Amino acid sequence: MFARIVTFTGATDIDAGIRYLSDTVAPLLAEQKGFRGVTASADRSGGVMGVLSLWETEADRDASGSTLVNAREEGRRVVGGEMSVEHFEELLVETAQPPKVGCSLLLRRLSMDPAMLEEHLDFFRGEVLPQMKASPGFCAVRNMTNRQAGEAIVGSVWTDQASMDTWAEAAEARRQQAAQRGVTFGEQSKREIVFAELR
């Protein structure tokens, strides 16, 4: 599976953005070959809104780009602020219960030597994932990577903010161990799921 993440920073009207996504963008996405779902998340206090679309193949995702460029630009006008577009490959997904509106989302950016990607993924799958799944409130996790750049985003979904905060605190204790394996930790973002339509 492949992903496109559109992020609005300095957003001034997140609610209008959610309506635009629901009424205009989601139906347009549904018409595209290989489309597998879309979710949106927001940090209202921080003025951030992110839209994640999932695609069966890289070719499907890339082919949809020209069709959606006008919708993205209109989305930027509606939401306000600055817009960025990133592309990733989904290397791992685990779902205990599908994400839904109102769930909490923890996003963590990581970077690493691209040559060590598979080794780090094996570590995540073998060591981190079982602990995550055993934690109260766990719903789902996605590990998405840009193989060429060695950049990744791990997004975990939780039933509520308390569960997310508990996991985030526990994860901080493991950062040193990951850093010793060559992982550099970037920005962390705590958000709420504000739209979800997955196939």
N, C-alpha and C. Protein backbone atom coordinates (compact mmCIF):
# COMPACT_ATOMS: atom_id res chain seq x y z
N MET A 1 0.86 -1.18 0.00
CA MET A 1 0.00 0.00 0.00
C MET A 1 0.90 1.24 0.00
N PHE A 2 0.40 2.29 -0.62
CA PHE A 2 1.15 3.54 -0.72
C PHE A 2 0.28 4.70 -0.23
N ALA A 3 0.94 5.74 0.25
CA ALA A 3 0.22 6.82 0.92
C ALA A 3 0.64 8.18 0.40
N ARG A 4 -0.31 9.10 0.42
CA ARG A 4 -0.04 10.52 0.21
C ARG A 4 -0.51 11.26 1.45
N ILE A 5 0.33 12.10 2.00
CA ILE A 5 -0.04 12.89 3.18
C ILE A 5 0.00 14.36 2.80
N VAL A 6 -1.14 15.02 2.92
CA VAL A 6 -1.24 16.46 2.69
C VAL A 6 -1.42 17.12 4.05
N THR A 7 -0.51 18.01 4.39
CA THR A 7 -0.53 18.65 5.71
C THR A 7 -0.71 20.15 5.57
N PHE A 8 -1.64 20.69 6.33
CA PHE A 8 -1.87 22.13 6.38
C PHE A 8 -1.36 22.64 7.73
N THR A 9 -0.45 23.58 7.71
CA THR A 9 0.04 24.20 8.94
C THR A 9 -0.37 25.67 8.96
N GLY A 10 -0.63 26.16 10.16
CA GLY A 10 -1.17 27.51 10.25
C GLY A 10 -2.61 27.56 9.77
N ALA A 11 -3.31 26.43 9.89
CA ALA A 11 -4.69 26.34 9.41
C ALA A 11 -5.59 27.30 10.19
N THR A 12 -6.48 27.96 9.48
CA THR A 12 -7.36 28.95 10.10
C THR A 12 -8.82 28.50 10.19
N ASP A 13 -9.20 27.46 9.42
CA ASP A 13 -10.59 26.99 9.45
C ASP A 13 -10.62 25.48 9.22
N ILE A 14 -10.28 24.73 10.25
CA ILE A 14 -10.22 23.28 10.15
C ILE A 14 -11.61 22.69 9.90
N ASP A 15 -12.63 23.22 10.55
CA ASP A 15 -13.98 22.69 10.36
C ASP A 15 -14.43 22.83 8.91
N ALA A 16 -14.12 23.95 8.27
CA ALA A 16 -14.44 24.12 6.86
C ALA A 16 -13.67 23.12 6.02
N GLY A 17 -12.44 22.82 6.42
CA GLY A 17 -11.64 21.84 5.71
C GLY A 17 -12.24 20.44 5.81
N ILE A 18 -12.77 20.10 6.97
CA ILE A 18 -13.41 18.79 7.14
C ILE A 18 -14.63 18.68 6.24
N ARG A 19 -15.43 19.74 6.18
CA ARG A 19 -16.61 19.73 5.32
C ARG A 19 -16.22 19.60 3.85
N TYR A 20 -15.18 20.32 3.46
CA TYR A 20 -14.72 20.26 2.07
C TYR A 20 -14.22 18.86 1.73
N LEU A 21 -13.49 18.24 2.65
CA LEU A 21 -13.02 16.88 2.45
C LEU A 21 -14.18 15.91 2.29
N SER A 22 -15.16 16.02 3.17
CA SER A 22 -16.31 15.12 3.15
C SER A 22 -17.18 15.30 1.91
N ASP A 23 -17.46 16.55 1.55
CA ASP A 23 -18.41 16.84 0.49
C ASP A 23 -17.80 16.78 -0.92
N THR A 24 -16.53 17.14 -1.04
CA THR A 24 -15.92 17.30 -2.36
C THR A 24 -14.77 16.33 -2.62
N VAL A 25 -13.81 16.28 -1.70
CA VAL A 25 -12.59 15.52 -1.97
C VAL A 25 -12.82 14.01 -1.86
N ALA A 26 -13.51 13.57 -0.81
CA ALA A 26 -13.72 12.13 -0.63
C ALA A 26 -14.45 11.49 -1.81
N PRO A 27 -15.53 12.10 -2.33
CA PRO A 27 -16.17 11.53 -3.52
C PRO A 27 -15.24 11.49 -4.74
N LEU A 28 -14.39 12.51 -4.88
CA LEU A 28 -13.43 12.54 -5.98
C LEU A 28 -12.39 11.43 -5.83
N LEU A 29 -11.91 11.24 -4.61
CA LEU A 29 -10.96 10.17 -4.35
C LEU A 29 -11.56 8.80 -4.67
N ALA A 30 -12.82 8.63 -4.31
CA ALA A 30 -13.49 7.34 -4.49
C ALA A 30 -13.57 6.93 -5.95
N GLU A 31 -13.46 7.90 -6.86
CA GLU A 31 -13.52 7.60 -8.29
C GLU A 31 -12.17 7.17 -8.86
N GLN A 32 -11.10 7.32 -8.08
CA GLN A 32 -9.77 7.06 -8.60
C GLN A 32 -9.39 5.59 -8.50
N LYS A 33 -8.71 5.09 -9.51
CA LYS A 33 -8.25 3.70 -9.54
C LYS A 33 -7.28 3.44 -8.38
N GLY A 34 -7.50 2.35 -7.66
CA GLY A 34 -6.59 1.94 -6.61
C GLY A 34 -6.77 2.63 -5.28
N PHE A 35 -7.77 3.51 -5.18
CA PHE A 35 -7.99 4.22 -3.92
C PHE A 35 -8.48 3.26 -2.84
N ARG A 36 -7.88 3.37 -1.62
CA ARG A 36 -8.22 2.45 -0.55
C ARG A 36 -8.67 3.12 0.75
N GLY A 37 -8.79 4.43 0.75
CA GLY A 37 -9.33 5.08 1.94
C GLY A 37 -8.67 6.41 2.25
N VAL A 38 -9.33 7.18 3.10
CA VAL A 38 -8.81 8.48 3.48
C VAL A 38 -9.18 8.76 4.93
N THR A 39 -8.25 9.31 5.66
CA THR A 39 -8.52 9.79 7.01
C THR A 39 -7.95 11.20 7.15
N ALA A 40 -8.50 11.94 8.08
CA ALA A 40 -7.98 13.28 8.37
C ALA A 40 -7.83 13.42 9.87
N SER A 41 -6.82 14.17 10.26
CA SER A 41 -6.55 14.41 11.68
C SER A 41 -6.25 15.88 11.89
N ALA A 42 -6.46 16.34 13.11
CA ALA A 42 -6.25 17.77 13.37
C ALA A 42 -5.72 17.99 14.78
N ASP A 43 -4.85 18.95 14.87
CA ASP A 43 -4.43 19.54 16.15
C ASP A 43 -4.98 20.96 16.12
N ARG A 44 -6.15 21.13 16.68
CA ARG A 44 -6.83 22.42 16.57
C ARG A 44 -6.04 23.54 17.25
N SER A 45 -5.49 23.26 18.41
CA SER A 45 -4.76 24.31 19.13
C SER A 45 -3.48 24.70 18.39
N GLY A 46 -2.91 23.75 17.65
CA GLY A 46 -1.68 24.03 16.92
C GLY A 46 -1.92 24.47 15.48
N GLY A 47 -3.18 24.49 15.04
CA GLY A 47 -3.49 24.92 13.69
C GLY A 47 -2.96 23.97 12.62
N VAL A 48 -3.05 22.66 12.88
CA VAL A 48 -2.53 21.65 11.94
C VAL A 48 -3.66 20.71 11.54
N MET A 49 -3.74 20.43 10.24
CA MET A 49 -4.67 19.44 9.72
C MET A 49 -3.94 18.57 8.71
N GLY A 50 -4.07 17.25 8.84
CA GLY A 50 -3.42 16.33 7.91
C GLY A 50 -4.44 15.42 7.26
N VAL A 51 -4.24 15.14 5.98
CA VAL A 51 -5.11 14.23 5.24
C VAL A 51 -4.26 13.11 4.66
N LEU A 52 -4.58 11.88 5.05
CA LEU A 52 -3.87 10.69 4.60
C LEU A 52 -4.75 9.92 3.62
N SER A 53 -4.28 9.75 2.38
CA SER A 53 -4.99 8.90 1.42
C SER A 53 -4.14 7.67 1.13
N LEU A 54 -4.81 6.52 0.98
CA LEU A 54 -4.14 5.24 0.79
C LEU A 54 -4.44 4.70 -0.60
N TRP A 55 -3.42 4.06 -1.19
CA TRP A 55 -3.51 3.61 -2.59
C TRP A 55 -2.94 2.21 -2.73
N GLU A 56 -3.55 1.44 -3.62
CA GLU A 56 -3.15 0.04 -3.82
C GLU A 56 -1.71 -0.05 -4.34
N THR A 57 -1.35 0.80 -5.30
CA THR A 57 0.00 0.77 -5.87
C THR A 57 0.56 2.19 -5.95
N GLU A 58 1.86 2.25 -6.13
CA GLU A 58 2.52 3.54 -6.30
C GLU A 58 2.02 4.22 -7.57
N ALA A 59 1.82 3.42 -8.62
CA ALA A 59 1.34 3.97 -9.89
C ALA A 59 -0.06 4.56 -9.74
N ASP A 60 -0.94 3.89 -8.98
CA ASP A 60 -2.28 4.42 -8.75
C ASP A 60 -2.21 5.76 -8.04
N ARG A 61 -1.39 5.82 -7.00
CA ARG A 61 -1.24 7.07 -6.24
C ARG A 61 -0.74 8.20 -7.14
N ASP A 62 0.31 7.91 -7.90
CA ASP A 62 0.90 8.95 -8.72
C ASP A 62 -0.04 9.39 -9.84
N ALA A 63 -0.82 8.42 -10.38
CA ALA A 63 -1.74 8.75 -11.46
C ALA A 63 -2.87 9.67 -10.99
N SER A 64 -3.19 9.59 -9.71
CA SER A 64 -4.27 10.43 -9.17
C SER A 64 -3.83 11.87 -8.94
N GLY A 65 -2.54 12.10 -8.96
CA GLY A 65 -2.02 13.42 -8.59
C GLY A 65 -2.56 14.56 -9.43
N SER A 66 -2.55 14.38 -10.76
CA SER A 66 -2.99 15.46 -11.63
C SER A 66 -4.48 15.75 -11.47
N THR A 67 -5.26 14.69 -11.18
CA THR A 67 -6.70 14.87 -10.99
C THR A 67 -7.00 15.66 -9.72
N LEU A 68 -6.16 15.47 -8.71
CA LEU A 68 -6.43 16.03 -7.39
C LEU A 68 -5.74 17.36 -7.11
N VAL A 69 -4.89 17.80 -8.04
CA VAL A 69 -4.11 19.01 -7.75
C VAL A 69 -5.01 20.22 -7.53
N ASN A 70 -6.06 20.37 -8.32
CA ASN A 70 -6.96 21.52 -8.15
C ASN A 70 -7.72 21.42 -6.83
N ALA A 71 -8.12 20.18 -6.46
CA ALA A 71 -8.83 19.99 -5.19
C ALA A 71 -7.92 20.34 -4.00
N ARG A 72 -6.64 20.00 -4.11
CA ARG A 72 -5.71 20.34 -3.02
C ARG A 72 -5.55 21.84 -2.89
N GLU A 73 -5.43 22.51 -4.03
CA GLU A 73 -5.26 23.96 -3.98
C GLU A 73 -6.50 24.64 -3.39
N GLU A 74 -7.67 24.14 -3.76
CA GLU A 74 -8.89 24.68 -3.18
C GLU A 74 -8.94 24.38 -1.69
N GLY A 75 -8.47 23.19 -1.31
CA GLY A 75 -8.39 22.84 0.10
C GLY A 75 -7.50 23.80 0.87
N ARG A 76 -6.40 24.19 0.27
CA ARG A 76 -5.50 25.15 0.93
C ARG A 76 -6.20 26.49 1.14
N ARG A 77 -6.99 26.89 0.16
CA ARG A 77 -7.72 28.15 0.30
C ARG A 77 -8.77 28.04 1.41
N VAL A 78 -9.45 26.89 1.47
CA VAL A 78 -10.51 26.69 2.46
C VAL A 78 -9.94 26.60 3.88
N VAL A 79 -8.90 25.79 4.03
CA VAL A 79 -8.32 25.54 5.36
C VAL A 79 -7.46 26.71 5.82
N GLY A 80 -6.74 27.31 4.89
CA GLY A 80 -5.82 28.39 5.23
C GLY A 80 -4.45 27.84 5.58
N GLY A 81 -3.48 28.73 5.71
CA GLY A 81 -2.13 28.33 6.08
C GLY A 81 -1.33 27.80 4.91
N GLU A 82 -0.25 27.07 5.24
CA GLU A 82 0.64 26.51 4.24
C GLU A 82 0.34 25.03 4.04
N MET A 83 0.59 24.54 2.83
CA MET A 83 0.29 23.14 2.51
C MET A 83 1.55 22.44 2.04
N SER A 84 1.74 21.19 2.49
CA SER A 84 2.83 20.35 2.00
C SER A 84 2.26 19.00 1.58
N VAL A 85 2.92 18.35 0.61
CA VAL A 85 2.49 17.05 0.11
C VAL A 85 3.67 16.09 0.19
N GLU A 86 3.46 14.93 0.83
CA GLU A 86 4.52 13.93 0.97
C GLU A 86 4.01 12.57 0.50
N HIS A 87 4.95 11.75 0.01
CA HIS A 87 4.61 10.42 -0.47
C HIS A 87 5.39 9.37 0.32
N PHE A 88 4.69 8.29 0.68
CA PHE A 88 5.30 7.23 1.47
C PHE A 88 4.81 5.86 0.99
N GLU A 89 5.59 4.84 1.35
CA GLU A 89 5.18 3.46 1.20
C GLU A 89 4.77 2.93 2.57
N GLU A 90 3.64 2.28 2.64
CA GLU A 90 3.17 1.72 3.90
C GLU A 90 3.83 0.34 4.09
N LEU A 91 4.72 0.24 5.06
CA LEU A 91 5.46 -0.99 5.26
C LEU A 91 4.84 -1.90 6.32
N LEU A 92 4.07 -1.32 7.20
CA LEU A 92 3.45 -2.12 8.26
C LEU A 92 2.15 -1.45 8.67
N VAL A 93 1.12 -2.27 8.82
CA VAL A 93 -0.15 -1.78 9.36
C VAL A 93 -0.73 -2.86 10.25
N GLU A 94 -1.21 -2.47 11.40
CA GLU A 94 -1.84 -3.39 12.35
C GLU A 94 -3.08 -2.70 12.89
N THR A 95 -4.22 -3.39 12.82
CA THR A 95 -5.48 -2.79 13.23
C THR A 95 -6.20 -3.69 14.21
N ALA A 96 -6.41 -3.18 15.42
CA ALA A 96 -7.24 -3.88 16.40
C ALA A 96 -8.69 -3.48 16.24
N GLN A 97 -8.91 -2.22 15.96
CA GLN A 97 -10.23 -1.70 15.62
C GLN A 97 -10.04 -0.50 14.71
N PRO A 98 -10.87 -0.36 13.68
CA PRO A 98 -10.66 0.70 12.71
C PRO A 98 -10.71 2.09 13.35
N PRO A 99 -9.82 2.97 12.95
CA PRO A 99 -9.86 4.35 13.45
C PRO A 99 -11.20 4.99 13.13
N LYS A 100 -11.71 5.78 14.06
CA LYS A 100 -12.96 6.49 13.82
C LYS A 100 -12.86 7.90 14.37
N VAL A 101 -13.79 8.72 13.97
CA VAL A 101 -13.79 10.12 14.42
C VAL A 101 -13.84 10.17 15.94
N GLY A 102 -12.97 10.99 16.51
CA GLY A 102 -12.90 11.12 17.96
C GLY A 102 -11.73 10.39 18.58
N CYS A 103 -11.15 9.43 17.85
CA CYS A 103 -9.96 8.74 18.36
C CYS A 103 -8.78 9.71 18.37
N SER A 104 -7.76 9.36 19.15
CA SER A 104 -6.55 10.18 19.22
C SER A 104 -5.46 9.57 18.34
N LEU A 105 -4.66 10.44 17.75
CA LEU A 105 -3.59 10.02 16.84
C LEU A 105 -2.27 10.59 17.31
N LEU A 106 -1.27 9.72 17.41
CA LEU A 106 0.09 10.13 17.76
C LEU A 106 0.97 9.91 16.54
N LEU A 107 1.56 10.97 16.02
CA LEU A 107 2.45 10.89 14.87
C LEU A 107 3.88 11.18 15.31
N ARG A 108 4.79 10.33 14.88
CA ARG A 108 6.20 10.55 15.18
C ARG A 108 7.01 10.41 13.90
N ARG A 109 7.79 11.42 13.60
CA ARG A 109 8.68 11.37 12.43
C ARG A 109 10.03 10.80 12.85
N LEU A 110 10.58 9.97 11.96
CA LEU A 110 11.86 9.33 12.20
C LEU A 110 12.72 9.44 10.95
N SER A 111 14.03 9.34 11.13
CA SER A 111 14.92 9.24 9.99
C SER A 111 16.02 8.24 10.32
N MET A 112 16.56 7.62 9.26
CA MET A 112 17.56 6.58 9.45
C MET A 112 18.31 6.37 8.15
N ASP A 113 19.40 5.63 8.20
CA ASP A 113 20.13 5.24 7.01
C ASP A 113 19.22 4.32 6.18
N PRO A 114 18.94 4.66 4.92
CA PRO A 114 18.06 3.81 4.12
C PRO A 114 18.50 2.35 4.06
N ALA A 115 19.81 2.12 4.15
CA ALA A 115 20.32 0.76 4.09
C ALA A 115 19.93 -0.07 5.31
N MET A 116 19.55 0.61 6.40
CA MET A 116 19.18 -0.07 7.64
C MET A 116 17.67 -0.20 7.81
N LEU A 117 16.92 0.18 6.79
CA LEU A 117 15.47 0.25 6.90
C LEU A 117 14.85 -1.09 7.31
N GLU A 118 15.21 -2.15 6.63
CA GLU A 118 14.59 -3.44 6.92
C GLU A 118 14.94 -3.91 8.33
N GLU A 119 16.16 -3.65 8.75
CA GLU A 119 16.56 -4.02 10.11
C GLU A 119 15.73 -3.27 11.15
N HIS A 120 15.52 -1.99 10.92
CA HIS A 120 14.71 -1.21 11.86
C HIS A 120 13.25 -1.66 11.85
N LEU A 121 12.76 -2.00 10.67
CA LEU A 121 11.38 -2.47 10.58
C LEU A 121 11.20 -3.79 11.32
N ASP A 122 12.18 -4.68 11.20
CA ASP A 122 12.12 -5.95 11.94
C ASP A 122 12.11 -5.70 13.44
N PHE A 123 12.91 -4.73 13.89
CA PHE A 123 12.94 -4.39 15.31
C PHE A 123 11.59 -3.85 15.76
N PHE A 124 11.03 -2.98 14.96
CA PHE A 124 9.72 -2.41 15.30
C PHE A 124 8.67 -3.52 15.38
N ARG A 125 8.68 -4.39 14.38
CA ARG A 125 7.69 -5.47 14.32
C ARG A 125 7.86 -6.45 15.49
N GLY A 126 9.10 -6.74 15.85
CA GLY A 126 9.35 -7.75 16.87
C GLY A 126 9.33 -7.24 18.30
N GLU A 127 9.72 -5.98 18.50
CA GLU A 127 9.87 -5.45 19.86
C GLU A 127 8.81 -4.40 20.23
N VAL A 128 8.61 -3.44 19.35
CA VAL A 128 7.73 -2.32 19.69
C VAL A 128 6.25 -2.67 19.48
N LEU A 129 5.95 -3.31 18.37
CA LEU A 129 4.56 -3.60 18.04
C LEU A 129 3.84 -4.44 19.10
N PRO A 130 4.45 -5.53 19.62
CA PRO A 130 3.75 -6.30 20.65
C PRO A 130 3.42 -5.48 21.89
N GLN A 131 4.33 -4.58 22.29
CA GLN A 131 4.07 -3.73 23.45
C GLN A 131 2.95 -2.75 23.15
N MET A 132 2.94 -2.23 21.94
CA MET A 132 1.90 -1.29 21.55
C MET A 132 0.53 -1.97 21.56
N LYS A 133 0.46 -3.16 20.97
CA LYS A 133 -0.81 -3.88 20.89
C LYS A 133 -1.33 -4.27 22.27
N ALA A 134 -0.42 -4.46 23.21
CA ALA A 134 -0.82 -4.85 24.56
C ALA A 134 -1.24 -3.66 25.43
N SER A 135 -1.04 -2.46 24.91
CA SER A 135 -1.34 -1.26 25.69
C SER A 135 -2.83 -0.93 25.63
N PRO A 136 -3.43 -0.54 26.75
CA PRO A 136 -4.86 -0.20 26.77
C PRO A 136 -5.18 0.93 25.79
N GLY A 137 -6.27 0.77 25.08
CA GLY A 137 -6.72 1.81 24.18
C GLY A 137 -6.15 1.76 22.78
N PHE A 138 -5.30 0.76 22.49
CA PHE A 138 -4.70 0.67 21.15
C PHE A 138 -5.76 0.35 20.11
N CYS A 139 -5.73 1.11 19.00
CA CYS A 139 -6.64 0.85 17.87
C CYS A 139 -5.88 0.38 16.64
N ALA A 140 -4.84 1.12 16.24
CA ALA A 140 -4.16 0.80 14.99
C ALA A 140 -2.81 1.52 14.92
N VAL A 141 -1.96 1.03 14.02
CA VAL A 141 -0.67 1.69 13.77
C VAL A 141 -0.30 1.53 12.31
N ARG A 142 0.31 2.56 11.75
CA ARG A 142 0.85 2.53 10.39
C ARG A 142 2.30 2.99 10.43
N ASN A 143 3.16 2.24 9.76
CA ASN A 143 4.56 2.62 9.62
C ASN A 143 4.78 2.91 8.15
N MET A 144 5.01 4.17 7.83
CA MET A 144 5.12 4.62 6.44
C MET A 144 6.50 5.22 6.20
N THR A 145 7.12 4.86 5.08
CA THR A 145 8.51 5.22 4.86
C THR A 145 8.75 5.71 3.44
N ASN A 146 9.65 6.66 3.33
CA ASN A 146 10.25 7.05 2.06
C ASN A 146 11.59 6.31 1.99
N ARG A 147 11.63 5.24 1.22
CA ARG A 147 12.82 4.37 1.20
C ARG A 147 14.07 5.12 0.76
N GLN A 148 13.94 5.98 -0.23
CA GLN A 148 15.10 6.67 -0.78
C GLN A 148 15.71 7.63 0.23
N ALA A 149 14.86 8.33 0.96
CA ALA A 149 15.34 9.35 1.91
C ALA A 149 15.61 8.79 3.29
N GLY A 150 15.08 7.58 3.59
CA GLY A 150 15.23 7.03 4.93
C GLY A 150 14.40 7.78 5.95
N GLU A 151 13.30 8.37 5.49
CA GLU A 151 12.42 9.11 6.39
C GLU A 151 11.14 8.32 6.60
N ALA A 152 10.63 8.35 7.82
CA ALA A 152 9.44 7.56 8.15
C ALA A 152 8.49 8.35 9.04
N ILE A 153 7.24 7.95 9.00
CA ILE A 153 6.24 8.43 9.94
C ILE A 153 5.54 7.22 10.54
N VAL A 154 5.50 7.17 11.85
CA VAL A 154 4.73 6.14 12.55
C VAL A 154 3.52 6.82 13.16
N GLY A 155 2.35 6.37 12.74
CA GLY A 155 1.11 6.93 13.28
C GLY A 155 0.35 5.87 14.04
N SER A 156 0.12 6.11 15.33
CA SER A 156 -0.65 5.16 16.14
C SER A 156 -1.95 5.82 16.59
N VAL A 157 -3.04 5.03 16.53
CA VAL A 157 -4.37 5.53 16.86
C VAL A 157 -4.83 4.90 18.17
N TRP A 158 -5.44 5.73 19.02
CA TRP A 158 -5.84 5.30 20.36
C TRP A 158 -7.28 5.71 20.62
N THR A 159 -7.94 4.98 21.49
CA THR A 159 -9.36 5.26 21.73
C THR A 159 -9.58 6.64 22.34
N ASP A 160 -8.62 7.12 23.11
CA ASP A 160 -8.78 8.41 23.78
C ASP A 160 -7.42 9.03 24.04
N GLN A 161 -7.44 10.29 24.46
CA GLN A 161 -6.20 11.02 24.67
C GLN A 161 -5.38 10.44 25.82
N ALA A 162 -6.04 9.96 26.87
CA ALA A 162 -5.31 9.40 28.01
C ALA A 162 -4.49 8.19 27.58
N SER A 163 -5.08 7.31 26.78
CA SER A 163 -4.35 6.14 26.29
C SER A 163 -3.17 6.55 25.42
N MET A 164 -3.39 7.53 24.56
CA MET A 164 -2.32 8.03 23.70
C MET A 164 -1.18 8.62 24.52
N ASP A 165 -1.53 9.43 25.52
CA ASP A 165 -0.50 10.07 26.35
C ASP A 165 0.30 9.04 27.13
N THR A 166 -0.37 7.99 27.61
CA THR A 166 0.32 6.94 28.35
C THR A 166 1.34 6.24 27.46
N TRP A 167 0.92 5.93 26.23
CA TRP A 167 1.86 5.28 25.30
C TRP A 167 3.00 6.21 24.93
N ALA A 168 2.69 7.47 24.68
CA ALA A 168 3.74 8.44 24.31
C ALA A 168 4.79 8.55 25.40
N GLU A 169 4.35 8.53 26.65
CA GLU A 169 5.29 8.61 27.77
C GLU A 169 6.16 7.36 27.83
N ALA A 170 5.54 6.19 27.61
CA ALA A 170 6.30 4.94 27.63
C ALA A 170 7.28 4.89 26.46
N ALA A 171 6.87 5.41 25.31
CA ALA A 171 7.73 5.38 24.14
C ALA A 171 8.96 6.27 24.33
N GLU A 172 8.81 7.36 25.06
CA GLU A 172 9.94 8.24 25.31
C GLU A 172 11.07 7.48 26.01
N ALA A 173 10.70 6.55 26.89
CA ALA A 173 11.70 5.79 27.64
C ALA A 173 12.52 4.88 26.72
N ARG A 174 11.98 4.58 25.52
CA ARG A 174 12.68 3.69 24.59
C ARG A 174 13.46 4.44 23.52
N ARG A 175 13.40 5.74 23.55
CA ARG A 175 14.06 6.53 22.50
C ARG A 175 15.55 6.29 22.47
N GLN A 176 16.17 6.18 23.65
CA GLN A 176 17.62 6.00 23.70
C GLN A 176 18.03 4.69 23.04
N GLN A 177 17.23 3.65 23.28
CA GLN A 177 17.52 2.36 22.67
C GLN A 177 17.45 2.45 21.14
N ALA A 178 16.44 3.12 20.64
CA ALA A 178 16.31 3.29 19.19
C ALA A 178 17.42 4.16 18.64
N ALA A 179 17.78 5.21 19.38
CA ALA A 179 18.86 6.10 18.93
C ALA A 179 20.17 5.34 18.80
N GLN A 180 20.40 4.39 19.69
CA GLN A 180 21.62 3.57 19.61
C GLN A 180 21.63 2.70 18.36
N ARG A 181 20.45 2.46 17.79
CA ARG A 181 20.35 1.68 16.56
C ARG A 181 20.38 2.57 15.32
N GLY A 182 20.62 3.86 15.51
CA GLY A 182 20.77 4.77 14.39
C GLY A 182 19.52 5.49 13.96
N VAL A 183 18.49 5.47 14.80
CA VAL A 183 17.25 6.17 14.48
C VAL A 183 17.29 7.58 15.06
N THR A 184 16.97 8.56 14.25
CA THR A 184 16.88 9.94 14.71
C THR A 184 15.40 10.31 14.81
N PHE A 185 15.02 10.83 15.96
CA PHE A 185 13.62 11.18 16.18
C PHE A 185 13.36 12.63 15.79
N GLY A 186 12.29 12.83 15.05
CA GLY A 186 11.89 14.17 14.65
C GLY A 186 10.65 14.61 15.39
N GLU A 187 9.86 15.40 14.72
CA GLU A 187 8.67 16.01 15.31
C GLU A 187 7.65 14.96 15.78
N GLN A 188 7.04 15.25 16.91
CA GLN A 188 5.89 14.47 17.39
C GLN A 188 4.66 15.36 17.36
N SER A 189 3.54 14.78 16.91
CA SER A 189 2.31 15.55 16.82
C SER A 189 1.17 14.74 17.43
N LYS A 190 0.40 15.37 18.31
CA LYS A 190 -0.77 14.73 18.91
C LYS A 190 -2.02 15.36 18.32
N ARG A 191 -2.89 14.51 17.76
CA ARG A 191 -4.05 15.01 17.05
C ARG A 191 -5.30 14.19 17.37
N GLU A 192 -6.41 14.65 16.81
CA GLU A 192 -7.69 13.94 16.89
C GLU A 192 -8.10 13.53 15.48
N ILE A 193 -8.61 12.30 15.33
CA ILE A 193 -9.16 11.88 14.05
C ILE A 193 -10.47 12.64 13.82
N VAL A 194 -10.55 13.35 12.68
CA VAL A 194 -11.73 14.17 12.40
C VAL A 194 -12.51 13.68 11.18
N PHE A 195 -11.95 12.71 10.47
CA PHE A 195 -12.65 12.12 9.33
C PHE A 195 -12.02 10.77 9.05
N ALA A 196 -12.85 9.77 8.73
CA ALA A 196 -12.32 8.45 8.41
C ALA A 196 -13.27 7.74 7.45
N GLU A 197 -12.72 7.30 6.35
CA GLU A 197 -13.48 6.56 5.35
C GLU A 197 -12.53 5.56 4.71
N LEU A 198 -12.47 4.36 5.30
CA LEU A 198 -11.52 3.34 4.86
C LEU A 198 -12.25 2.17 4.21
N ARG A 199 -11.60 1.58 3.21
CA ARG A 199 -12.19 0.44 2.50
C ARG A 199 -11.62 -0.86 3.01
